[in-house]
């Protein structure tokens, strides 16, 4: 008897099109043994801070991806981010430090509530926030420092390694 169970979806499946957008300048996945990296990605790797919050390759791709995500995709992304305690705690501490606030319970809860409101605003109304961009910076910075065997091509094995690192903040 043939097993009719489909392969389970990758927990971070909603982020895979973004990886593809960064690497190949389109949402399509790697469908061969190797593929040329986009010229935009290759140039971004050469910069000193490719994920800096400014009008650059990375933030343009983040904004494009977030705009194109369907309501179902936004819900999935919300769940991925909301269930990532490391990200929420990192962003909370960063906000406390950035605003010169003491890390007491009141300030911590206030910051966490703001993060939740930002995430819900994106999920429900597709409104971007700094919190979302910071998530993408923390989640995807490693790609710019990934050691490809060829600086212009990605192999299937390297692509799988990148996909498998999604959510790890390594």
Protein backbone atom coordinates (compact mmCIF):
# COMPACT_ATOMS: atom_id res chain seq x y z
CA UNK A 1 0.00 0.00 0.00
CA UNK A 2 1.33 3.41 -0.95
CA UNK A 3 1.77 6.01 1.80
CA UNK A 4 -0.45 9.00 0.92
CA UNK A 5 0.94 11.27 3.61
CA UNK A 6 2.50 14.36 2.14
CA UNK A 7 5.87 15.59 3.30
CA UNK A 8 5.41 17.90 6.31
CA UNK A 9 5.94 21.58 5.56
CA UNK A 10 9.10 23.23 6.84
CA UNK A 11 8.26 25.12 10.05
CA UNK A 12 9.65 28.29 8.46
CA UNK A 13 8.17 27.62 5.03
CA UNK A 14 6.74 31.14 4.90
CA UNK A 15 10.32 32.50 4.94
CA UNK A 16 11.68 30.36 2.09
CA UNK A 17 10.39 32.72 -0.64
CA UNK A 18 12.26 35.54 1.12
CA UNK A 19 15.48 33.50 1.07
CA UNK A 20 14.92 32.98 -2.66
CA UNK A 21 14.27 36.70 -3.17
CA UNK A 22 17.55 37.53 -1.46
CA UNK A 23 19.62 34.92 -3.26
CA UNK A 24 18.04 34.89 -6.73
CA UNK A 25 16.01 38.13 -6.91
CA UNK A 26 12.81 36.10 -7.38
CA UNK A 27 10.61 33.88 -5.26
CA UNK A 28 11.47 30.65 -7.14
CA UNK A 29 13.39 27.95 -5.27
CA UNK A 30 16.58 26.28 -6.36
CA UNK A 31 15.44 23.57 -8.77
CA UNK A 32 18.77 22.17 -9.94
CA UNK A 33 22.15 21.15 -8.50
CA UNK A 34 23.32 24.78 -8.48
CA UNK A 35 22.15 28.23 -9.43
CA UNK A 36 23.72 31.62 -10.05
CA UNK A 37 23.32 34.09 -7.18
CA UNK A 38 21.72 37.40 -8.15
CA UNK A 39 24.07 40.25 -8.97
CA UNK A 40 22.28 42.36 -6.33
CA UNK A 41 23.02 39.76 -3.65
CA UNK A 42 26.65 39.45 -4.74
CA UNK A 43 27.06 43.24 -4.49
CA UNK A 44 25.30 43.38 -1.10
CA UNK A 45 27.70 40.77 0.31
CA UNK A 46 30.59 43.10 -0.53
CA UNK A 47 29.19 45.96 1.60
CA UNK A 48 30.30 46.49 5.19
CA UNK A 49 26.81 46.20 6.73
CA UNK A 50 24.35 44.66 4.26
CA UNK A 51 21.45 44.51 6.73
CA UNK A 52 21.71 48.04 8.14
CA UNK A 53 18.29 49.68 8.48
CA UNK A 54 18.36 52.06 5.55
CA UNK A 55 17.21 52.16 1.96
CA UNK A 56 19.37 49.32 0.65
CA UNK A 57 19.15 45.95 -1.08
CA UNK A 58 18.11 44.09 2.08
CA UNK A 59 15.43 46.47 3.36
CA UNK A 60 13.98 46.86 -0.13
CA UNK A 61 13.64 43.07 -0.35
CA UNK A 62 12.08 42.91 3.13
CA UNK A 63 9.48 45.54 2.20
CA UNK A 64 8.71 43.89 -1.13
CA UNK A 65 8.32 40.47 0.50
CA UNK A 66 6.08 41.81 3.28
CA UNK A 67 3.88 43.65 0.77
CA UNK A 68 3.48 40.55 -1.39
CA UNK A 69 2.64 38.16 1.46
CA UNK A 70 -0.96 36.91 1.45
CA UNK A 71 -3.18 37.19 4.54
CA UNK A 72 -2.55 33.47 5.19
CA UNK A 73 1.20 34.06 4.83
CA UNK A 74 1.02 37.05 7.21
CA UNK A 75 -0.74 34.84 9.77
CA UNK A 76 1.96 32.16 9.40
CA UNK A 77 4.72 34.80 9.71
CA UNK A 78 3.01 36.22 12.82
CA UNK A 79 3.01 32.76 14.40
CA UNK A 80 6.67 32.16 13.51
CA UNK A 81 7.76 35.47 15.04
CA UNK A 82 5.39 35.45 18.03
CA UNK A 83 6.51 31.95 19.03
CA UNK A 84 10.20 32.88 18.89
CA UNK A 85 11.06 33.77 22.49
CA UNK A 86 14.67 34.55 21.60
CA UNK A 87 13.58 37.22 19.13
CA UNK A 88 10.93 38.73 21.41
CA UNK A 89 13.38 38.88 24.34
CA UNK A 90 16.19 40.29 22.19
CA UNK A 91 13.93 42.96 20.76
CA UNK A 92 12.58 43.79 24.23
CA UNK A 93 16.06 44.23 25.69
CA UNK A 94 17.16 46.24 22.65
CA UNK A 95 14.18 48.57 23.00
CA UNK A 96 14.80 49.02 26.73
CA UNK A 97 18.45 49.93 26.11
CA UNK A 98 17.70 52.12 23.09
CA UNK A 99 15.13 54.12 25.08
CA UNK A 100 17.20 54.29 28.28
CA UNK A 101 14.54 52.44 30.28
CA UNK A 102 15.18 50.28 33.31
CA UNK A 103 14.39 46.60 32.74
CA UNK A 104 11.67 46.49 35.36
CA UNK A 105 8.43 44.58 34.92
CA UNK A 106 6.37 47.62 33.88
CA UNK A 107 8.79 48.73 31.13
CA UNK A 108 9.35 45.18 29.92
CA UNK A 109 5.63 44.49 29.61
CA UNK A 110 5.06 47.84 27.91
CA UNK A 111 7.73 47.09 25.28
CA UNK A 112 6.43 43.54 24.76
CA UNK A 113 2.91 44.88 24.29
CA UNK A 114 4.17 47.31 21.65
CA UNK A 115 5.93 44.45 19.84
CA UNK A 116 2.72 42.39 19.94
CA UNK A 117 0.68 45.35 18.62
CA UNK A 118 3.21 45.79 15.79
CA UNK A 119 2.95 42.10 14.88
CA UNK A 120 -0.84 42.11 15.05
CA UNK A 121 -0.99 45.27 12.90
CA UNK A 122 1.00 43.47 10.24
CA UNK A 123 -1.01 40.26 10.52
CA UNK A 124 -4.37 42.01 10.31
CA UNK A 125 -3.70 45.14 8.25
CA UNK A 126 -0.32 44.52 6.54
CA UNK A 127 1.21 47.52 8.37
CA UNK A 128 5.00 47.35 8.61
CA UNK A 129 6.96 48.20 11.72
CA UNK A 130 10.54 48.48 12.84
CA UNK A 131 10.00 45.27 14.84
CA UNK A 132 9.35 43.33 11.62
CA UNK A 133 12.44 44.71 9.90
CA UNK A 134 14.54 43.87 12.96
CA UNK A 135 13.22 40.32 12.90
CA UNK A 136 14.41 39.97 9.31
CA UNK A 137 17.80 41.44 10.17
CA UNK A 138 18.29 39.01 13.05
CA UNK A 139 16.91 36.08 11.08
CA UNK A 140 18.75 36.60 7.80
CA UNK A 141 22.02 38.36 8.54
CA UNK A 142 23.86 35.02 8.49
CA UNK A 143 23.13 34.61 4.77
CA UNK A 144 25.43 37.52 3.94
CA UNK A 145 28.28 35.81 5.79
CA UNK A 146 27.59 32.30 4.55
CA UNK A 147 30.68 30.75 3.00
CA UNK A 148 29.66 29.68 -0.48
CA UNK A 149 32.02 27.36 -2.34
CA UNK A 150 31.81 29.81 -5.26
CA UNK A 151 31.06 33.50 -4.67
CA UNK A 152 28.64 33.63 -7.61
CA UNK A 153 26.89 30.26 -7.40
CA UNK A 154 24.99 28.36 -4.72
CA UNK A 155 24.91 24.58 -4.66
CA UNK A 156 21.87 22.53 -3.68
CA UNK A 157 23.68 21.46 -0.50
CA UNK A 158 24.45 25.08 0.47
CA UNK A 159 20.85 26.08 -0.24
CA UNK A 160 19.54 23.29 2.00
CA UNK A 161 21.98 24.36 4.75
CA UNK A 162 20.60 27.90 4.60
CA UNK A 163 16.98 26.72 4.68
CA UNK A 164 17.75 24.45 7.64
CA UNK A 165 19.21 27.39 9.59
CA UNK A 166 15.99 29.40 9.39
CA UNK A 167 14.78 30.20 12.88
CA UNK A 168 18.09 29.41 14.55
CA UNK A 169 19.56 32.94 14.74
CA UNK A 170 23.05 31.50 14.15
